[in-house]
Amino acid sequence: MAKKRDHKILITDEAIAKVPYIKYQEIPEKEYPILQGLAKEILTISKEQNDSNEVALTYSLESENLIASGQNYIGISLGNEHSVDPLAHPTAYHLVNSTSDCVVVSLHNHPSLSKISLADVQFFLFYASVKMMVVVTNLGNISYIVKSSNYNRKEAVEIAKEALTVERKAENIKGYQEAAKYFLKNCYKAGIIYEDR
């Protein structure tokens, strides 16, 4: 059973090494090893350049086309202990606003909170180009949400509103966790796949 933590966990080489290889649903198989490498890279950047604080990496699934045309296909933003703005990096901003399929890999280093937060969900729902949101903890665990072919944005927004109602009533960290869990338990109704590894 995992211990509850209310402080930042520093990233170790062991955590980086244990990042799993995941067969992401709704994502082309050729992307699996790339995404594993990016998850390890995000932890390495956080550990070596950002004091184990949050880092967001935005990666386009159209990378081959972007490379062929001489464009950047990865944007990296550094945050603080509790948040990061994925769009702070110009390349990330460009990718999210100009490509049809983006993957946002977001590092969270506050294991006492839900792996995917409601802030992550809001970002994921707001931008149509963001196909998948991957969260890597400082311990090397991964969870993700991905829009399936049955994705219904209107239904997803309704579920998010219900989760925000739960969050507004929260009085402590456990309450905030319950709000995020509410969305993750119900997002399948809107064609969103959630997996925790």
N, C-alpha and C. Protein backbone atom coordinates (compact mmCIF):
# COMPACT_ATOMS: atom_id res chain seq x y z
N MET A 1 0.84 -1.17 0.00
CA MET A 1 0.00 0.00 0.00
C MET A 1 0.88 1.24 0.00
N ALA A 2 0.56 2.20 -0.84
CA ALA A 2 1.37 3.40 -0.95
C ALA A 2 1.20 4.28 0.28
N LYS A 3 2.29 4.90 0.69
CA LYS A 3 2.24 5.84 1.80
C LYS A 3 1.69 7.16 1.30
N LYS A 4 0.92 7.83 2.17
CA LYS A 4 0.44 9.17 1.80
C LYS A 4 1.56 10.15 2.04
N ARG A 5 1.75 11.06 1.09
CA ARG A 5 2.82 12.04 1.21
C ARG A 5 2.26 13.43 1.01
N ASP A 6 2.73 14.39 1.80
CA ASP A 6 2.28 15.77 1.64
C ASP A 6 3.46 16.69 1.37
N HIS A 7 4.55 16.12 0.90
CA HIS A 7 5.74 16.92 0.58
C HIS A 7 6.31 16.45 -0.76
N LYS A 8 7.14 17.29 -1.32
CA LYS A 8 7.72 16.97 -2.62
C LYS A 8 8.66 15.77 -2.51
N ILE A 9 8.55 14.89 -3.48
CA ILE A 9 9.43 13.73 -3.57
C ILE A 9 10.52 14.06 -4.58
N LEU A 10 11.77 13.94 -4.17
CA LEU A 10 12.87 14.20 -5.08
C LEU A 10 13.03 13.03 -6.04
N ILE A 11 13.31 13.33 -7.28
CA ILE A 11 13.44 12.31 -8.32
C ILE A 11 14.78 11.61 -8.19
N THR A 12 14.75 10.29 -8.33
CA THR A 12 15.98 9.48 -8.28
C THR A 12 16.22 8.82 -9.63
N ASP A 13 17.45 8.36 -9.82
CA ASP A 13 17.77 7.61 -11.05
C ASP A 13 16.93 6.35 -11.13
N GLU A 14 16.62 5.76 -9.97
CA GLU A 14 15.80 4.55 -9.93
C GLU A 14 14.39 4.84 -10.46
N ALA A 15 13.83 5.98 -10.09
CA ALA A 15 12.49 6.35 -10.56
C ALA A 15 12.49 6.54 -12.08
N ILE A 16 13.55 7.17 -12.59
CA ILE A 16 13.66 7.38 -14.04
C ILE A 16 13.75 6.03 -14.76
N ALA A 17 14.55 5.13 -14.22
CA ALA A 17 14.75 3.82 -14.85
C ALA A 17 13.47 2.98 -14.86
N LYS A 18 12.60 3.19 -13.88
CA LYS A 18 11.41 2.34 -13.77
C LYS A 18 10.20 2.84 -14.56
N VAL A 19 10.33 3.95 -15.30
CA VAL A 19 9.21 4.44 -16.10
C VAL A 19 8.77 3.32 -17.05
N PRO A 20 7.51 2.91 -16.99
CA PRO A 20 7.07 1.75 -17.77
C PRO A 20 6.89 2.02 -19.26
N TYR A 21 6.99 0.96 -20.02
CA TYR A 21 6.66 0.96 -21.45
C TYR A 21 5.16 0.71 -21.52
N ILE A 22 4.42 1.63 -22.10
CA ILE A 22 2.96 1.52 -22.11
C ILE A 22 2.44 1.45 -23.54
N LYS A 23 1.50 0.56 -23.74
CA LYS A 23 0.80 0.48 -25.02
C LYS A 23 -0.43 1.39 -24.90
N TYR A 24 -0.22 2.66 -25.21
CA TYR A 24 -1.27 3.66 -25.06
C TYR A 24 -2.43 3.39 -26.01
N GLN A 25 -3.63 3.37 -25.49
CA GLN A 25 -4.80 3.19 -26.33
C GLN A 25 -4.99 4.42 -27.22
N GLU A 26 -5.47 4.19 -28.42
CA GLU A 26 -5.79 5.26 -29.38
C GLU A 26 -4.55 5.98 -29.94
N ILE A 27 -3.36 5.48 -29.64
CA ILE A 27 -2.11 6.10 -30.09
C ILE A 27 -1.37 5.09 -30.96
N PRO A 28 -0.78 5.50 -32.09
CA PRO A 28 -0.05 4.55 -32.95
C PRO A 28 1.08 3.84 -32.19
N GLU A 29 1.24 2.55 -32.47
CA GLU A 29 2.23 1.72 -31.78
C GLU A 29 3.64 2.27 -31.90
N LYS A 30 3.99 2.88 -33.03
CA LYS A 30 5.34 3.41 -33.22
C LYS A 30 5.67 4.52 -32.21
N GLU A 31 4.64 5.09 -31.58
CA GLU A 31 4.85 6.16 -30.60
C GLU A 31 5.19 5.64 -29.20
N TYR A 32 4.90 4.37 -28.90
CA TYR A 32 5.09 3.85 -27.54
C TYR A 32 6.51 4.05 -27.02
N PRO A 33 7.55 3.63 -27.76
CA PRO A 33 8.91 3.81 -27.23
C PRO A 33 9.30 5.29 -27.14
N ILE A 34 8.78 6.10 -28.06
CA ILE A 34 9.08 7.54 -28.02
C ILE A 34 8.50 8.15 -26.75
N LEU A 35 7.26 7.79 -26.44
CA LEU A 35 6.60 8.33 -25.26
C LEU A 35 7.27 7.87 -23.97
N GLN A 36 7.74 6.62 -23.96
CA GLN A 36 8.49 6.16 -22.78
C GLN A 36 9.77 6.98 -22.61
N GLY A 37 10.47 7.22 -23.71
CA GLY A 37 11.69 8.02 -23.65
C GLY A 37 11.42 9.45 -23.20
N LEU A 38 10.30 10.03 -23.67
CA LEU A 38 9.96 11.39 -23.26
C LEU A 38 9.60 11.45 -21.78
N ALA A 39 8.92 10.43 -21.28
CA ALA A 39 8.59 10.39 -19.85
C ALA A 39 9.86 10.34 -19.00
N LYS A 40 10.84 9.55 -19.44
CA LYS A 40 12.13 9.50 -18.73
C LYS A 40 12.85 10.84 -18.84
N GLU A 41 12.78 11.44 -20.02
CA GLU A 41 13.45 12.73 -20.24
C GLU A 41 12.86 13.83 -19.36
N ILE A 42 11.55 13.81 -19.21
CA ILE A 42 10.91 14.84 -18.40
C ILE A 42 11.34 14.74 -16.94
N LEU A 43 11.49 13.51 -16.45
CA LEU A 43 11.98 13.33 -15.08
C LEU A 43 13.43 13.77 -14.96
N THR A 44 14.23 13.48 -15.97
CA THR A 44 15.64 13.87 -15.97
C THR A 44 15.76 15.40 -15.96
N ILE A 45 14.98 16.06 -16.79
CA ILE A 45 15.01 17.53 -16.84
C ILE A 45 14.60 18.10 -15.49
N SER A 46 13.54 17.54 -14.93
CA SER A 46 13.06 18.03 -13.64
C SER A 46 14.13 17.85 -12.56
N LYS A 47 14.74 16.67 -12.55
CA LYS A 47 15.76 16.37 -11.54
C LYS A 47 16.99 17.26 -11.69
N GLU A 48 17.47 17.41 -12.92
CA GLU A 48 18.75 18.10 -13.14
C GLU A 48 18.63 19.61 -13.32
N GLN A 49 17.47 20.09 -13.78
CA GLN A 49 17.35 21.52 -14.10
C GLN A 49 16.28 22.26 -13.32
N ASN A 50 15.41 21.53 -12.60
CA ASN A 50 14.27 22.22 -11.99
C ASN A 50 13.98 21.76 -10.56
N ASP A 51 14.99 21.27 -9.85
CA ASP A 51 14.85 20.92 -8.43
C ASP A 51 13.68 19.97 -8.17
N SER A 52 13.46 19.01 -9.07
CA SER A 52 12.37 18.03 -8.98
C SER A 52 10.99 18.67 -9.00
N ASN A 53 10.90 19.89 -9.52
CA ASN A 53 9.61 20.57 -9.65
C ASN A 53 8.95 20.18 -10.97
N GLU A 54 7.74 20.69 -11.17
CA GLU A 54 6.96 20.30 -12.33
C GLU A 54 7.57 20.77 -13.64
N VAL A 55 7.43 19.92 -14.63
CA VAL A 55 7.86 20.20 -16.00
C VAL A 55 6.75 19.70 -16.91
N ALA A 56 6.44 20.45 -17.95
CA ALA A 56 5.48 19.98 -18.95
C ALA A 56 6.20 19.89 -20.28
N LEU A 57 5.98 18.80 -20.96
CA LEU A 57 6.57 18.59 -22.28
C LEU A 57 5.43 18.37 -23.25
N THR A 58 5.37 19.17 -24.29
CA THR A 58 4.34 19.02 -25.31
C THR A 58 5.00 18.44 -26.56
N TYR A 59 4.43 17.34 -27.03
CA TYR A 59 5.00 16.59 -28.14
C TYR A 59 3.92 16.35 -29.18
N SER A 60 4.20 16.63 -30.43
CA SER A 60 3.21 16.44 -31.49
C SER A 60 3.32 15.05 -32.10
N LEU A 61 2.17 14.41 -32.28
CA LEU A 61 2.13 13.13 -32.97
C LEU A 61 2.42 13.29 -34.46
N GLU A 62 2.47 14.53 -34.92
CA GLU A 62 2.82 14.82 -36.31
C GLU A 62 4.31 15.13 -36.44
N SER A 63 5.12 14.58 -35.55
CA SER A 63 6.54 14.94 -35.48
C SER A 63 7.29 14.69 -36.79
N GLU A 64 6.99 13.58 -37.48
CA GLU A 64 7.70 13.29 -38.74
C GLU A 64 7.48 14.40 -39.77
N ASN A 65 6.24 14.85 -39.90
CA ASN A 65 5.94 15.93 -40.85
C ASN A 65 6.60 17.24 -40.43
N LEU A 66 6.59 17.51 -39.12
CA LEU A 66 7.19 18.74 -38.63
C LEU A 66 8.70 18.74 -38.83
N ILE A 67 9.34 17.59 -38.57
CA ILE A 67 10.79 17.48 -38.76
C ILE A 67 11.12 17.67 -40.24
N ALA A 68 10.35 17.03 -41.10
CA ALA A 68 10.59 17.13 -42.55
C ALA A 68 10.49 18.57 -43.05
N SER A 69 9.63 19.36 -42.41
CA SER A 69 9.49 20.75 -42.84
C SER A 69 10.34 21.71 -42.01
N GLY A 70 11.23 21.14 -41.18
CA GLY A 70 12.17 21.97 -40.41
C GLY A 70 11.57 22.66 -39.21
N GLN A 71 10.44 22.15 -38.71
CA GLN A 71 9.79 22.78 -37.57
C GLN A 71 10.09 22.00 -36.28
N ASN A 72 9.93 22.68 -35.15
CA ASN A 72 10.10 22.03 -33.85
C ASN A 72 8.87 21.19 -33.54
N TYR A 73 9.06 20.09 -32.81
CA TYR A 73 7.94 19.22 -32.48
C TYR A 73 7.84 18.92 -30.99
N ILE A 74 8.70 19.58 -30.19
CA ILE A 74 8.66 19.41 -28.74
C ILE A 74 8.81 20.78 -28.09
N GLY A 75 7.98 21.04 -27.09
CA GLY A 75 8.12 22.25 -26.28
C GLY A 75 8.20 21.85 -24.82
N ILE A 76 9.12 22.45 -24.08
CA ILE A 76 9.32 22.11 -22.67
C ILE A 76 9.17 23.36 -21.82
N SER A 77 8.30 23.27 -20.81
CA SER A 77 8.08 24.38 -19.88
C SER A 77 8.43 23.93 -18.47
N LEU A 78 9.14 24.78 -17.75
CA LEU A 78 9.50 24.49 -16.36
C LEU A 78 8.53 25.23 -15.43
N GLY A 79 8.09 24.55 -14.39
CA GLY A 79 7.17 25.15 -13.44
C GLY A 79 7.74 25.16 -12.04
N ASN A 80 6.86 25.31 -11.06
CA ASN A 80 7.30 25.28 -9.67
C ASN A 80 6.82 23.98 -9.02
N GLU A 81 6.81 23.93 -7.71
CA GLU A 81 6.47 22.69 -7.01
C GLU A 81 5.02 22.27 -7.22
N HIS A 82 4.13 23.23 -7.48
CA HIS A 82 2.71 22.91 -7.51
C HIS A 82 2.04 23.09 -8.86
N SER A 83 2.72 23.69 -9.83
CA SER A 83 2.06 23.89 -11.12
C SER A 83 3.06 24.17 -12.23
N VAL A 84 2.56 24.03 -13.45
CA VAL A 84 3.34 24.36 -14.64
C VAL A 84 2.36 24.75 -15.74
N ASP A 85 2.75 25.71 -16.55
CA ASP A 85 1.93 26.12 -17.68
C ASP A 85 2.52 25.49 -18.94
N PRO A 86 1.87 24.45 -19.49
CA PRO A 86 2.42 23.80 -20.68
C PRO A 86 2.63 24.76 -21.85
N LEU A 87 1.85 25.85 -21.90
CA LEU A 87 1.93 26.76 -23.03
C LEU A 87 2.96 27.87 -22.84
N ALA A 88 3.73 27.82 -21.75
CA ALA A 88 4.74 28.86 -21.50
C ALA A 88 5.86 28.82 -22.54
N HIS A 89 6.13 27.67 -23.10
CA HIS A 89 7.17 27.55 -24.13
C HIS A 89 6.55 27.86 -25.49
N PRO A 90 7.20 28.71 -26.30
CA PRO A 90 6.62 29.10 -27.60
C PRO A 90 6.31 27.92 -28.52
N THR A 91 7.17 26.90 -28.54
CA THR A 91 6.91 25.74 -29.40
C THR A 91 5.67 25.00 -28.93
N ALA A 92 5.54 24.84 -27.62
CA ALA A 92 4.35 24.16 -27.08
C ALA A 92 3.09 24.94 -27.45
N TYR A 93 3.14 26.24 -27.31
CA TYR A 93 2.00 27.09 -27.65
C TYR A 93 1.63 26.90 -29.13
N HIS A 94 2.64 26.92 -29.98
CA HIS A 94 2.42 26.75 -31.42
C HIS A 94 1.83 25.37 -31.73
N LEU A 95 2.38 24.32 -31.12
CA LEU A 95 1.89 22.97 -31.39
C LEU A 95 0.42 22.82 -30.99
N VAL A 96 0.10 23.27 -29.79
CA VAL A 96 -1.27 23.10 -29.29
C VAL A 96 -2.26 23.89 -30.14
N ASN A 97 -1.82 25.01 -30.68
CA ASN A 97 -2.73 25.86 -31.44
C ASN A 97 -2.69 25.64 -32.95
N SER A 98 -1.80 24.74 -33.44
CA SER A 98 -1.71 24.58 -34.89
C SER A 98 -1.69 23.14 -35.38
N THR A 99 -1.60 22.16 -34.51
CA THR A 99 -1.60 20.77 -34.96
C THR A 99 -2.89 20.09 -34.52
N SER A 100 -3.21 18.99 -35.17
CA SER A 100 -4.48 18.33 -34.87
C SER A 100 -4.35 17.28 -33.77
N ASP A 101 -3.18 16.72 -33.58
CA ASP A 101 -2.99 15.70 -32.54
C ASP A 101 -1.75 16.01 -31.73
N CYS A 102 -1.95 16.49 -30.52
CA CYS A 102 -0.83 16.78 -29.62
C CYS A 102 -0.88 15.82 -28.45
N VAL A 103 0.26 15.55 -27.89
CA VAL A 103 0.33 14.80 -26.64
C VAL A 103 1.03 15.71 -25.64
N VAL A 104 0.41 15.91 -24.51
CA VAL A 104 1.04 16.69 -23.46
C VAL A 104 1.49 15.73 -22.38
N VAL A 105 2.77 15.69 -22.12
CA VAL A 105 3.33 14.88 -21.05
C VAL A 105 3.62 15.84 -19.91
N SER A 106 2.94 15.68 -18.81
CA SER A 106 3.05 16.63 -17.71
C SER A 106 3.55 15.92 -16.46
N LEU A 107 4.60 16.44 -15.88
CA LEU A 107 5.18 15.86 -14.67
C LEU A 107 4.54 16.47 -13.44
N HIS A 108 4.11 15.63 -12.53
CA HIS A 108 3.58 16.10 -11.25
C HIS A 108 4.42 15.53 -10.13
N ASN A 109 4.81 16.38 -9.22
CA ASN A 109 5.65 15.90 -8.14
C ASN A 109 5.00 16.07 -6.78
N HIS A 110 3.69 16.01 -6.75
CA HIS A 110 3.01 16.05 -5.46
C HIS A 110 2.14 14.81 -5.34
N PRO A 111 2.76 13.69 -4.97
CA PRO A 111 2.07 12.41 -4.94
C PRO A 111 0.88 12.35 -3.98
N SER A 112 0.75 13.33 -3.07
CA SER A 112 -0.41 13.30 -2.18
C SER A 112 -1.69 13.69 -2.92
N LEU A 113 -1.54 14.27 -4.12
CA LEU A 113 -2.71 14.64 -4.91
C LEU A 113 -2.98 13.59 -5.97
N SER A 114 -4.17 13.66 -6.57
CA SER A 114 -4.52 12.75 -7.64
C SER A 114 -3.50 12.86 -8.76
N LYS A 115 -3.21 11.74 -9.41
CA LYS A 115 -2.21 11.76 -10.47
C LYS A 115 -2.62 12.69 -11.59
N ILE A 116 -3.87 12.67 -11.98
CA ILE A 116 -4.37 13.62 -12.97
C ILE A 116 -5.30 14.57 -12.21
N SER A 117 -4.96 15.84 -12.22
CA SER A 117 -5.73 16.83 -11.46
C SER A 117 -6.86 17.41 -12.32
N LEU A 118 -7.76 18.12 -11.68
CA LEU A 118 -8.82 18.77 -12.45
C LEU A 118 -8.26 19.88 -13.33
N ALA A 119 -7.14 20.50 -12.92
CA ALA A 119 -6.50 21.49 -13.79
C ALA A 119 -6.01 20.83 -15.07
N ASP A 120 -5.44 19.62 -14.96
CA ASP A 120 -5.03 18.86 -16.15
C ASP A 120 -6.24 18.57 -17.03
N VAL A 121 -7.33 18.15 -16.41
CA VAL A 121 -8.55 17.81 -17.14
C VAL A 121 -9.06 19.04 -17.90
N GLN A 122 -9.07 20.19 -17.25
CA GLN A 122 -9.57 21.40 -17.90
C GLN A 122 -8.72 21.76 -19.12
N PHE A 123 -7.41 21.64 -18.99
CA PHE A 123 -6.51 21.90 -20.12
C PHE A 123 -6.80 20.92 -21.25
N PHE A 124 -6.92 19.66 -20.90
CA PHE A 124 -7.18 18.56 -21.84
C PHE A 124 -8.47 18.79 -22.62
N LEU A 125 -9.51 19.24 -21.93
CA LEU A 125 -10.80 19.46 -22.57
C LEU A 125 -10.86 20.75 -23.38
N PHE A 126 -10.15 21.77 -22.91
CA PHE A 126 -10.22 23.08 -23.56
C PHE A 126 -9.61 23.06 -24.96
N TYR A 127 -8.49 22.35 -25.11
CA TYR A 127 -7.79 22.34 -26.40
C TYR A 127 -8.13 21.08 -27.19
N ALA A 128 -8.82 21.28 -28.30
CA ALA A 128 -9.21 20.15 -29.14
C ALA A 128 -8.00 19.38 -29.67
N SER A 129 -6.88 20.07 -29.85
CA SER A 129 -5.68 19.43 -30.40
C SER A 129 -4.98 18.50 -29.42
N VAL A 130 -5.29 18.61 -28.14
CA VAL A 130 -4.63 17.77 -27.14
C VAL A 130 -5.35 16.43 -27.09
N LYS A 131 -4.76 15.44 -27.73
CA LYS A 131 -5.37 14.10 -27.81
C LYS A 131 -5.18 13.32 -26.52
N MET A 132 -4.03 13.51 -25.86
CA MET A 132 -3.72 12.72 -24.68
C MET A 132 -2.98 13.57 -23.65
N MET A 133 -3.29 13.33 -22.38
CA MET A 133 -2.57 13.96 -21.27
C MET A 133 -1.93 12.83 -20.47
N VAL A 134 -0.62 12.85 -20.37
CA VAL A 134 0.12 11.84 -19.63
C VAL A 134 0.72 12.52 -18.40
N VAL A 135 0.56 11.91 -17.25
CA VAL A 135 1.14 12.44 -16.02
C VAL A 135 2.14 11.42 -15.49
N VAL A 136 3.36 11.88 -15.27
CA VAL A 136 4.43 11.05 -14.72
C VAL A 136 4.72 11.56 -13.32
N THR A 137 4.65 10.69 -12.33
CA THR A 137 4.97 11.15 -10.97
C THR A 137 6.48 11.12 -10.77
N ASN A 138 6.93 11.75 -9.71
CA ASN A 138 8.36 11.76 -9.40
C ASN A 138 8.86 10.37 -8.99
N LEU A 139 7.95 9.43 -8.82
CA LEU A 139 8.34 8.06 -8.51
C LEU A 139 8.37 7.19 -9.77
N GLY A 140 8.05 7.79 -10.94
CA GLY A 140 8.13 7.07 -12.20
C GLY A 140 6.85 6.37 -12.62
N ASN A 141 5.76 6.61 -11.90
CA ASN A 141 4.47 6.01 -12.27
C ASN A 141 3.78 6.88 -13.31
N ILE A 142 2.95 6.26 -14.13
CA ILE A 142 2.28 6.98 -15.21
C ILE A 142 0.77 6.74 -15.17
N SER A 143 0.02 7.81 -15.41
CA SER A 143 -1.41 7.69 -15.68
C SER A 143 -1.70 8.58 -16.88
N TYR A 144 -2.77 8.26 -17.60
CA TYR A 144 -3.08 9.09 -18.76
C TYR A 144 -4.56 9.06 -19.08
N ILE A 145 -5.00 10.11 -19.77
CA ILE A 145 -6.33 10.17 -20.35
C ILE A 145 -6.16 10.46 -21.84
N VAL A 146 -7.00 9.83 -22.64
CA VAL A 146 -6.89 9.99 -24.09
C VAL A 146 -8.30 10.04 -24.69
N LYS A 147 -8.47 10.92 -25.67
CA LYS A 147 -9.76 11.04 -26.36
C LYS A 147 -9.88 9.90 -27.37
N SER A 148 -10.95 9.11 -27.24
CA SER A 148 -11.18 8.00 -28.16
C SER A 148 -11.95 8.50 -29.39
N SER A 149 -12.19 7.59 -30.31
CA SER A 149 -12.96 7.95 -31.50
C SER A 149 -14.41 8.28 -31.14
N ASN A 150 -14.86 7.88 -29.95
CA ASN A 150 -16.23 8.17 -29.49
C ASN A 150 -16.28 9.41 -28.59
N TYR A 151 -15.21 10.19 -28.58
CA TYR A 151 -15.13 11.35 -27.68
C TYR A 151 -16.27 12.33 -27.92
N ASN A 152 -16.91 12.74 -26.82
CA ASN A 152 -18.01 13.70 -26.87
C ASN A 152 -17.64 14.86 -25.94
N ARG A 153 -17.21 15.96 -26.53
CA ARG A 153 -16.72 17.09 -25.74
C ARG A 153 -17.80 17.64 -24.81
N LYS A 154 -19.01 17.77 -25.31
CA LYS A 154 -20.10 18.33 -24.50
C LYS A 154 -20.33 17.49 -23.25
N GLU A 155 -20.36 16.18 -23.41
CA GLU A 155 -20.54 15.27 -22.26
C GLU A 155 -19.35 15.37 -21.31
N ALA A 156 -18.15 15.46 -21.85
CA ALA A 156 -16.94 15.57 -21.02
C ALA A 156 -16.96 16.84 -20.18
N VAL A 157 -17.40 17.94 -20.77
CA VAL A 157 -17.48 19.21 -20.05
C VAL A 157 -18.50 19.10 -18.91
N GLU A 158 -19.61 18.41 -19.16
CA GLU A 158 -20.63 18.23 -18.11
C GLU A 158 -20.06 17.43 -16.93
N ILE A 159 -19.31 16.38 -17.24
CA ILE A 159 -18.70 15.57 -16.17
C ILE A 159 -17.67 16.40 -15.41
N ALA A 160 -16.91 17.22 -16.13
CA ALA A 160 -15.93 18.10 -15.48
C ALA A 160 -16.62 19.11 -14.57
N LYS A 161 -17.76 19.64 -14.99
CA LYS A 161 -18.52 20.58 -14.16
C LYS A 161 -18.97 19.90 -12.87
N GLU A 162 -19.45 18.66 -12.99
CA GLU A 162 -19.87 17.90 -11.80
C GLU A 162 -18.69 17.69 -10.86
N ALA A 163 -17.52 17.39 -11.43
CA ALA A 163 -16.31 17.21 -10.61
C ALA A 163 -15.92 18.51 -9.92
N LEU A 164 -16.06 19.63 -10.62
CA LEU A 164 -15.74 20.93 -10.03
C LEU A 164 -16.70 21.27 -8.89
N THR A 165 -17.95 20.81 -8.98
CA THR A 165 -18.90 20.99 -7.88
C THR A 165 -18.42 20.22 -6.66
N VAL A 166 -17.94 19.01 -6.88
CA VAL A 166 -17.38 18.21 -5.78
C VAL A 166 -16.16 18.94 -5.19
N GLU A 167 -15.31 19.49 -6.07
CA GLU A 167 -14.10 20.18 -5.61
C GLU A 167 -14.45 21.41 -4.77
N ARG A 168 -15.47 22.16 -5.17
CA ARG A 168 -15.84 23.37 -4.42
C ARG A 168 -16.26 23.04 -2.99
N LYS A 169 -16.80 21.84 -2.78
CA LYS A 169 -17.23 21.42 -1.45
C LYS A 169 -16.08 20.84 -0.63
N ALA A 170 -14.94 20.64 -1.26
CA ALA A 170 -13.80 20.01 -0.58
C ALA A 170 -13.25 20.91 0.51
N GLU A 171 -12.86 20.28 1.59
CA GLU A 171 -12.29 21.02 2.72
C GLU A 171 -10.83 20.67 2.97
N ASN A 172 -10.34 19.66 2.25
CA ASN A 172 -8.95 19.24 2.45
C ASN A 172 -8.44 18.52 1.19
N ILE A 173 -7.21 18.06 1.26
CA ILE A 173 -6.59 17.39 0.11
C ILE A 173 -7.40 16.17 -0.32
N LYS A 174 -7.92 15.43 0.65
CA LYS A 174 -8.71 14.25 0.31
C LYS A 174 -9.93 14.63 -0.52
N GLY A 175 -10.55 15.74 -0.20
CA GLY A 175 -11.70 16.22 -0.95
C GLY A 175 -11.34 16.58 -2.38
N TYR A 176 -10.17 17.21 -2.57
CA TYR A 176 -9.70 17.55 -3.92
C TYR A 176 -9.41 16.29 -4.72
N GLN A 177 -8.86 15.28 -4.03
CA GLN A 177 -8.59 14.00 -4.69
C GLN A 177 -9.90 13.36 -5.16
N GLU A 178 -10.91 13.43 -4.30
CA GLU A 178 -12.21 12.84 -4.65
C GLU A 178 -12.81 13.51 -5.88
N ALA A 179 -12.62 14.82 -6.01
CA ALA A 179 -13.16 15.54 -7.17
C ALA A 179 -12.50 15.04 -8.46
N ALA A 180 -11.18 14.90 -8.45
CA ALA A 180 -10.47 14.39 -9.63
C ALA A 180 -10.88 12.94 -9.90
N LYS A 181 -11.00 12.14 -8.84
CA LYS A 181 -11.41 10.75 -9.01
C LYS A 181 -12.80 10.66 -9.62
N TYR A 182 -13.67 11.59 -9.25
CA TYR A 182 -15.03 11.59 -9.81
C TYR A 182 -14.97 11.71 -11.33
N PHE A 183 -14.16 12.64 -11.82
CA PHE A 183 -14.05 12.79 -13.28
C PHE A 183 -13.46 11.52 -13.90
N LEU A 184 -12.38 11.01 -13.32
CA LEU A 184 -11.70 9.85 -13.90
C LEU A 184 -12.58 8.61 -13.90
N LYS A 185 -13.46 8.48 -12.89
CA LYS A 185 -14.37 7.33 -12.83
C LYS A 185 -15.49 7.42 -13.87
N ASN A 186 -15.83 8.64 -14.27
CA ASN A 186 -16.98 8.85 -15.15
C ASN A 186 -16.63 9.27 -16.57
N CYS A 187 -15.35 9.53 -16.83
CA CYS A 187 -14.97 10.09 -18.14
C CYS A 187 -15.24 9.13 -19.29
N TYR A 188 -15.33 7.83 -19.01
CA TYR A 188 -15.60 6.87 -20.08
C TYR A 188 -16.94 7.17 -20.76
N LYS A 189 -17.87 7.79 -20.03
CA LYS A 189 -19.19 8.12 -20.59
C LYS A 189 -19.07 9.13 -21.72
N ALA A 190 -17.96 9.87 -21.73
CA ALA A 190 -17.74 10.88 -22.78
C ALA A 190 -16.72 10.42 -23.81
N GLY A 191 -16.37 9.13 -23.79
CA GLY A 191 -15.41 8.61 -24.76
C GLY A 191 -13.97 8.95 -24.43
N ILE A 192 -13.67 9.11 -23.14
CA ILE A 192 -12.30 9.36 -22.69
C ILE A 192 -11.80 8.11 -21.98
N ILE A 193 -10.65 7.63 -22.38
CA ILE A 193 -10.05 6.45 -21.77
C ILE A 193 -9.08 6.91 -20.69
N TYR A 194 -9.17 6.31 -19.50
CA TYR A 194 -8.25 6.62 -18.39
C TYR A 194 -7.54 5.32 -17.99
N GLU A 195 -6.22 5.41 -17.89
CA GLU A 195 -5.44 4.27 -17.39
C GLU A 195 -4.40 4.76 -16.39
N ASP A 196 -4.16 3.94 -15.40
CA ASP A 196 -3.18 4.25 -14.35
C ASP A 196 -2.22 3.08 -14.27
N ARG A 197 -0.91 3.36 -14.48
CA ARG A 197 0.11 2.30 -14.46
C ARG A 197 1.12 2.51 -13.38
